Amino acid sequence: MRLAPMSAGLAALLLVGTLAGCNRAEPPPPSSPADDTADVPTPDASDDGDAMVTMRYACDGHRVAVFGNDHVTVSMDGRDIDLPYVADSSPPRFAGEALEFSVGADGAVLGQDEGASWTCTAE
C-alpha cells in the first residue's frame, strides 16, 4: 500500500513538471528608453492643435505660417497674430488686425495698413 501513495505523488510531480515546461511564452525583453519613444510621434513644431502648417514664409524678419486655406499666423514684434482666409480671394489672401498676407504668382507679400510691406520667401 505504501507504493500506491508514492506512485501517485511521483505521477503528480511528473505532471506538474511536464506542464510547467509546455508552451511557456518567453517574456518580452526589457525595453530601453530609446525603444519606449520609438513609436510615439514627436510633436511637430508646425502643429497648431487642430490644423497643420502647410507652408512657412520669412518676410524680412517676420514669419508667416500658413494653415491651408484656413488661416495664417504672423509672428512679428514678439507676438503671434492670426489672420483668417478671405473667402473667394484671388490670389489667396488672409487679412485682419491691420495686416494682410497674400500669395501670388510673383511670390508672397505681408502688408500693413500703415503702408509697410515685406517681400516673403518660402522656407
N, C-alpha and C. Protein backbone atom coordinates (compact mmCIF):
# COMPACT_ATOMS: atom_id res chain seq x y z
N MET A 1 0.80 -1.19 0.00
CA MET A 1 0.00 0.00 0.00
C MET A 1 0.84 1.25 0.00
N ARG A 2 1.94 1.08 0.56
CA ARG A 2 2.82 2.21 0.65
C ARG A 2 3.30 2.63 -0.73
N LEU A 3 3.35 1.74 -1.66
CA LEU A 3 3.80 2.01 -3.01
C LEU A 3 2.80 2.86 -3.77
N ALA A 4 1.51 2.69 -3.56
CA ALA A 4 0.49 3.43 -4.27
C ALA A 4 0.54 4.92 -3.99
N PRO A 5 0.63 5.36 -2.72
CA PRO A 5 0.72 6.80 -2.49
C PRO A 5 2.00 7.39 -3.06
N MET A 6 3.07 6.65 -3.06
CA MET A 6 4.32 7.14 -3.61
C MET A 6 4.21 7.28 -5.12
N SER A 7 3.55 6.32 -5.77
CA SER A 7 3.36 6.36 -7.21
C SER A 7 2.47 7.54 -7.60
N ALA A 8 1.44 7.80 -6.81
CA ALA A 8 0.54 8.91 -7.09
C ALA A 8 1.28 10.23 -6.93
N GLY A 9 2.14 10.33 -5.93
CA GLY A 9 2.92 11.55 -5.72
C GLY A 9 3.92 11.77 -6.83
N LEU A 10 4.54 10.67 -7.27
CA LEU A 10 5.51 10.75 -8.37
C LEU A 10 4.81 11.14 -9.67
N ALA A 11 3.65 10.60 -9.91
CA ALA A 11 2.89 10.92 -11.11
C ALA A 11 2.48 12.40 -11.08
N ALA A 12 2.06 12.90 -9.94
CA ALA A 12 1.67 14.31 -9.82
C ALA A 12 2.87 15.22 -10.06
N LEU A 13 4.02 14.81 -9.54
CA LEU A 13 5.24 15.60 -9.72
C LEU A 13 5.66 15.64 -11.19
N LEU A 14 5.58 14.52 -11.86
CA LEU A 14 5.91 14.47 -13.28
C LEU A 14 4.94 15.30 -14.11
N LEU A 15 3.66 15.25 -13.76
CA LEU A 15 2.65 16.01 -14.47
C LEU A 15 2.90 17.51 -14.31
N VAL A 16 3.17 17.96 -13.11
CA VAL A 16 3.44 19.37 -12.86
C VAL A 16 4.69 19.81 -13.61
N GLY A 17 5.72 18.99 -13.58
CA GLY A 17 6.96 19.32 -14.28
C GLY A 17 6.77 19.40 -15.78
N THR A 18 5.97 18.50 -16.33
CA THR A 18 5.71 18.49 -17.76
C THR A 18 4.91 19.71 -18.17
N LEU A 19 3.86 20.02 -17.41
CA LEU A 19 3.01 21.16 -17.74
C LEU A 19 3.75 22.49 -17.59
N ALA A 20 4.64 22.55 -16.66
CA ALA A 20 5.38 23.79 -16.44
C ALA A 20 6.28 24.13 -17.61
N GLY A 21 6.74 23.12 -18.34
CA GLY A 21 7.64 23.36 -19.45
C GLY A 21 6.95 23.50 -20.79
N CYS A 22 5.66 23.23 -20.87
CA CYS A 22 4.95 23.26 -22.15
C CYS A 22 4.46 24.67 -22.48
N ASN A 23 4.63 25.04 -23.74
CA ASN A 23 4.08 26.29 -24.27
C ASN A 23 4.31 27.49 -23.35
N ARG A 24 5.44 27.54 -22.83
CA ARG A 24 5.74 28.66 -21.95
C ARG A 24 6.19 29.84 -22.79
N ALA A 25 5.46 30.91 -22.72
CA ALA A 25 5.79 32.11 -23.51
C ALA A 25 6.95 32.83 -22.85
N GLU A 26 7.90 33.18 -23.66
CA GLU A 26 9.03 33.94 -23.16
C GLU A 26 8.60 35.38 -22.91
N PRO A 27 8.97 35.95 -21.79
CA PRO A 27 8.62 37.35 -21.56
C PRO A 27 9.38 38.24 -22.52
N PRO A 28 8.79 39.34 -22.93
CA PRO A 28 9.49 40.23 -23.85
C PRO A 28 10.73 40.79 -23.18
N PRO A 29 11.77 41.05 -23.97
CA PRO A 29 12.98 41.62 -23.38
C PRO A 29 12.68 43.01 -22.83
N PRO A 30 13.37 43.40 -21.78
CA PRO A 30 13.11 44.73 -21.24
C PRO A 30 13.44 45.78 -22.29
N SER A 31 12.59 46.78 -22.35
CA SER A 31 12.79 47.81 -23.37
C SER A 31 13.74 48.88 -22.84
N SER A 32 14.46 49.44 -23.76
CA SER A 32 15.37 50.53 -23.40
C SER A 32 14.60 51.84 -23.53
N PRO A 33 15.08 52.92 -22.95
CA PRO A 33 14.39 54.21 -23.09
C PRO A 33 14.21 54.61 -24.54
N ALA A 34 15.15 54.25 -25.41
CA ALA A 34 15.02 54.60 -26.83
C ALA A 34 13.85 53.86 -27.46
N ASP A 35 13.62 52.58 -27.03
CA ASP A 35 12.51 51.81 -27.58
C ASP A 35 11.18 52.39 -27.14
N ASP A 36 11.10 52.93 -25.93
CA ASP A 36 9.84 53.46 -25.42
C ASP A 36 9.35 54.64 -26.24
N THR A 37 10.25 55.41 -26.83
CA THR A 37 9.85 56.59 -27.58
C THR A 37 9.82 56.35 -29.08
N ALA A 38 10.21 55.17 -29.51
CA ALA A 38 10.29 54.91 -30.95
C ALA A 38 8.93 55.00 -31.63
N ASP A 39 7.87 54.53 -30.99
CA ASP A 39 6.56 54.52 -31.62
C ASP A 39 5.73 55.76 -31.32
N VAL A 40 6.23 56.62 -30.48
CA VAL A 40 5.49 57.82 -30.12
C VAL A 40 5.87 58.93 -31.09
N PRO A 41 4.90 59.48 -31.83
CA PRO A 41 5.25 60.55 -32.76
C PRO A 41 5.73 61.78 -32.00
N THR A 42 6.77 62.37 -32.51
CA THR A 42 7.27 63.58 -31.87
C THR A 42 6.41 64.75 -32.32
N PRO A 43 6.11 65.66 -31.42
CA PRO A 43 5.29 66.80 -31.80
C PRO A 43 6.01 67.63 -32.86
N ASP A 44 5.29 67.96 -33.88
CA ASP A 44 5.85 68.77 -34.95
C ASP A 44 5.68 70.23 -34.57
N ALA A 45 6.73 70.99 -34.79
CA ALA A 45 6.66 72.41 -34.47
C ALA A 45 5.59 73.09 -35.30
N SER A 46 5.18 72.44 -36.37
CA SER A 46 4.17 73.05 -37.22
C SER A 46 2.76 72.68 -36.78
N ASP A 47 2.63 71.95 -35.70
CA ASP A 47 1.32 71.54 -35.23
C ASP A 47 0.67 72.67 -34.44
N ASP A 48 -0.53 73.06 -34.86
CA ASP A 48 -1.27 74.11 -34.16
C ASP A 48 -2.55 73.53 -33.58
N GLY A 49 -2.47 72.34 -33.03
CA GLY A 49 -3.65 71.73 -32.44
C GLY A 49 -4.52 71.09 -33.48
N ASP A 50 -5.47 71.84 -34.05
CA ASP A 50 -6.43 71.28 -34.98
C ASP A 50 -5.91 71.26 -36.41
N ALA A 51 -5.02 72.14 -36.76
CA ALA A 51 -4.56 72.24 -38.14
C ALA A 51 -3.05 72.12 -38.21
N MET A 52 -2.56 71.77 -39.37
CA MET A 52 -1.13 71.62 -39.57
C MET A 52 -0.63 72.71 -40.53
N VAL A 53 0.59 73.15 -40.29
CA VAL A 53 1.20 74.14 -41.16
C VAL A 53 1.46 73.51 -42.52
N THR A 54 1.00 74.17 -43.58
CA THR A 54 1.22 73.66 -44.92
C THR A 54 2.37 74.38 -45.62
N MET A 55 2.74 75.56 -45.12
CA MET A 55 3.83 76.34 -45.71
C MET A 55 4.31 77.37 -44.71
N ARG A 56 5.59 77.72 -44.80
CA ARG A 56 6.16 78.77 -43.94
C ARG A 56 6.87 79.78 -44.83
N TYR A 57 6.79 81.04 -44.42
CA TYR A 57 7.45 82.13 -45.15
C TYR A 57 8.25 82.98 -44.18
N ALA A 58 9.37 83.51 -44.69
CA ALA A 58 10.15 84.51 -43.97
C ALA A 58 9.95 85.83 -44.70
N CYS A 59 9.58 86.87 -43.95
CA CYS A 59 9.23 88.16 -44.54
C CYS A 59 10.06 89.27 -43.89
N ASP A 60 11.29 89.41 -44.30
CA ASP A 60 12.16 90.47 -43.79
C ASP A 60 12.13 90.56 -42.26
N GLY A 61 12.40 89.45 -41.60
CA GLY A 61 12.44 89.43 -40.14
C GLY A 61 11.15 88.97 -39.48
N HIS A 62 10.06 88.92 -40.22
CA HIS A 62 8.79 88.42 -39.70
C HIS A 62 8.59 87.02 -40.26
N ARG A 63 7.76 86.24 -39.60
CA ARG A 63 7.50 84.87 -40.07
C ARG A 63 6.00 84.67 -40.24
N VAL A 64 5.66 83.87 -41.25
CA VAL A 64 4.26 83.55 -41.52
C VAL A 64 4.14 82.03 -41.65
N ALA A 65 3.19 81.46 -40.91
CA ALA A 65 2.88 80.04 -41.01
C ALA A 65 1.49 79.93 -41.63
N VAL A 66 1.39 79.21 -42.74
CA VAL A 66 0.12 79.06 -43.45
C VAL A 66 -0.52 77.74 -43.03
N PHE A 67 -1.79 77.80 -42.67
CA PHE A 67 -2.56 76.62 -42.27
C PHE A 67 -3.61 76.35 -43.35
N GLY A 68 -3.16 75.88 -44.50
CA GLY A 68 -4.07 75.61 -45.61
C GLY A 68 -4.82 76.86 -46.02
N ASN A 69 -6.08 76.68 -46.39
CA ASN A 69 -6.93 77.82 -46.73
C ASN A 69 -7.77 78.22 -45.53
N ASP A 70 -7.25 78.01 -44.33
CA ASP A 70 -7.99 78.34 -43.12
C ASP A 70 -7.53 79.67 -42.54
N HIS A 71 -6.25 79.76 -42.22
CA HIS A 71 -5.71 80.99 -41.66
C HIS A 71 -4.18 80.97 -41.73
N VAL A 72 -3.58 82.10 -41.44
CA VAL A 72 -2.13 82.19 -41.30
C VAL A 72 -1.86 82.78 -39.92
N THR A 73 -0.68 82.48 -39.40
CA THR A 73 -0.23 83.09 -38.16
C THR A 73 1.02 83.89 -38.48
N VAL A 74 0.97 85.18 -38.22
CA VAL A 74 2.09 86.08 -38.46
C VAL A 74 2.80 86.30 -37.14
N SER A 75 4.11 86.05 -37.11
CA SER A 75 4.92 86.32 -35.92
C SER A 75 5.71 87.59 -36.18
N MET A 76 5.36 88.64 -35.43
CA MET A 76 6.06 89.91 -35.59
C MET A 76 6.02 90.70 -34.28
N ASP A 77 7.06 91.42 -34.03
CA ASP A 77 7.15 92.26 -32.84
C ASP A 77 6.86 91.50 -31.55
N GLY A 78 7.30 90.25 -31.47
CA GLY A 78 7.13 89.45 -30.26
C GLY A 78 5.74 88.91 -30.03
N ARG A 79 4.88 88.95 -31.01
CA ARG A 79 3.52 88.42 -30.83
C ARG A 79 3.11 87.63 -32.07
N ASP A 80 2.13 86.77 -31.90
CA ASP A 80 1.56 85.97 -32.98
C ASP A 80 0.17 86.49 -33.29
N ILE A 81 -0.07 86.76 -34.56
CA ILE A 81 -1.36 87.32 -34.99
C ILE A 81 -1.98 86.37 -36.01
N ASP A 82 -3.19 85.92 -35.74
CA ASP A 82 -3.91 85.05 -36.68
C ASP A 82 -4.70 85.90 -37.66
N LEU A 83 -4.54 85.58 -38.93
CA LEU A 83 -5.29 86.25 -39.99
C LEU A 83 -6.15 85.22 -40.71
N PRO A 84 -7.47 85.41 -40.74
CA PRO A 84 -8.33 84.44 -41.42
C PRO A 84 -8.25 84.58 -42.94
N TYR A 85 -8.59 83.50 -43.61
CA TYR A 85 -8.64 83.46 -45.07
C TYR A 85 -9.80 84.31 -45.56
N VAL A 86 -9.56 85.10 -46.58
CA VAL A 86 -10.62 85.90 -47.20
C VAL A 86 -11.25 85.03 -48.28
N ALA A 87 -12.50 84.66 -48.07
CA ALA A 87 -13.20 83.75 -48.99
C ALA A 87 -13.20 84.28 -50.42
N ASP A 88 -13.04 83.37 -51.35
CA ASP A 88 -13.09 83.65 -52.79
C ASP A 88 -12.07 84.69 -53.24
N SER A 89 -10.97 84.84 -52.51
CA SER A 89 -9.96 85.82 -52.93
C SER A 89 -9.00 85.18 -53.92
N SER A 90 -8.60 85.99 -54.90
CA SER A 90 -7.66 85.52 -55.90
C SER A 90 -6.70 86.66 -56.21
N PRO A 91 -5.44 86.53 -55.89
CA PRO A 91 -4.76 85.37 -55.30
C PRO A 91 -5.20 85.17 -53.86
N PRO A 92 -4.86 83.99 -53.29
CA PRO A 92 -5.26 83.73 -51.90
C PRO A 92 -4.78 84.84 -50.97
N ARG A 93 -5.70 85.30 -50.11
CA ARG A 93 -5.39 86.43 -49.23
C ARG A 93 -5.93 86.15 -47.84
N PHE A 94 -5.16 86.57 -46.86
CA PHE A 94 -5.52 86.45 -45.45
C PHE A 94 -5.44 87.86 -44.87
N ALA A 95 -6.45 88.30 -44.14
CA ALA A 95 -6.44 89.68 -43.66
C ALA A 95 -7.11 89.81 -42.30
N GLY A 96 -6.67 90.83 -41.57
CA GLY A 96 -7.24 91.14 -40.26
C GLY A 96 -6.23 91.91 -39.43
N GLU A 97 -6.68 92.62 -38.41
CA GLU A 97 -5.82 93.37 -37.49
C GLU A 97 -4.81 94.25 -38.22
N ALA A 98 -5.22 94.94 -39.24
CA ALA A 98 -4.38 95.88 -39.98
C ALA A 98 -3.24 95.20 -40.73
N LEU A 99 -3.32 93.88 -40.89
CA LEU A 99 -2.31 93.13 -41.65
C LEU A 99 -2.98 92.36 -42.76
N GLU A 100 -2.19 92.10 -43.79
CA GLU A 100 -2.67 91.31 -44.91
C GLU A 100 -1.51 90.47 -45.43
N PHE A 101 -1.79 89.22 -45.76
CA PHE A 101 -0.79 88.34 -46.35
C PHE A 101 -1.41 87.74 -47.59
N SER A 102 -0.69 87.83 -48.72
CA SER A 102 -1.21 87.25 -49.96
C SER A 102 -0.10 86.49 -50.67
N VAL A 103 -0.53 85.48 -51.40
CA VAL A 103 0.39 84.64 -52.17
C VAL A 103 -0.05 84.71 -53.62
N GLY A 104 0.83 85.19 -54.48
CA GLY A 104 0.51 85.30 -55.89
C GLY A 104 1.56 84.65 -56.76
N ALA A 105 1.42 84.83 -58.04
CA ALA A 105 2.36 84.25 -59.00
C ALA A 105 3.76 84.81 -58.83
N ASP A 106 3.86 86.05 -58.36
CA ASP A 106 5.15 86.70 -58.19
C ASP A 106 5.75 86.46 -56.81
N GLY A 107 5.09 85.70 -55.96
CA GLY A 107 5.58 85.44 -54.61
C GLY A 107 4.58 85.87 -53.57
N ALA A 108 5.05 85.93 -52.33
CA ALA A 108 4.16 86.27 -51.22
C ALA A 108 4.54 87.64 -50.66
N VAL A 109 3.53 88.34 -50.12
CA VAL A 109 3.75 89.68 -49.57
C VAL A 109 2.97 89.78 -48.26
N LEU A 110 3.64 90.35 -47.25
CA LEU A 110 3.00 90.68 -46.00
C LEU A 110 2.88 92.19 -45.96
N GLY A 111 1.66 92.69 -45.80
CA GLY A 111 1.45 94.14 -45.82
C GLY A 111 0.77 94.63 -44.57
N GLN A 112 1.02 95.89 -44.25
CA GLN A 112 0.43 96.53 -43.08
C GLN A 112 -0.36 97.75 -43.55
N ASP A 113 -1.49 98.02 -42.90
CA ASP A 113 -2.33 99.15 -43.28
C ASP A 113 -1.57 100.47 -43.28
N GLU A 114 -0.56 100.56 -42.47
CA GLU A 114 0.23 101.79 -42.36
C GLU A 114 1.13 102.01 -43.58
N GLY A 115 1.04 101.11 -44.55
CA GLY A 115 1.81 101.27 -45.77
C GLY A 115 3.03 100.41 -45.90
N ALA A 116 3.50 99.82 -44.81
CA ALA A 116 4.68 98.95 -44.88
C ALA A 116 4.32 97.63 -45.55
N SER A 117 5.26 97.11 -46.33
CA SER A 117 5.07 95.78 -46.91
C SER A 117 6.42 95.08 -46.95
N TRP A 118 6.36 93.77 -46.83
CA TRP A 118 7.57 92.95 -46.82
C TRP A 118 7.42 91.82 -47.82
N THR A 119 8.46 91.63 -48.61
CA THR A 119 8.51 90.50 -49.54
C THR A 119 8.81 89.23 -48.75
N CYS A 120 8.11 88.19 -49.07
CA CYS A 120 8.26 86.94 -48.31
C CYS A 120 8.82 85.84 -49.21
N THR A 121 9.67 85.01 -48.63
CA THR A 121 10.22 83.86 -49.35
C THR A 121 9.84 82.58 -48.61
N ALA A 122 9.55 81.57 -49.37
CA ALA A 122 9.18 80.27 -48.79
C ALA A 122 10.38 79.68 -48.06
N GLU A 123 10.12 79.06 -46.92
CA GLU A 123 11.19 78.41 -46.14
C GLU A 123 11.20 76.94 -46.42
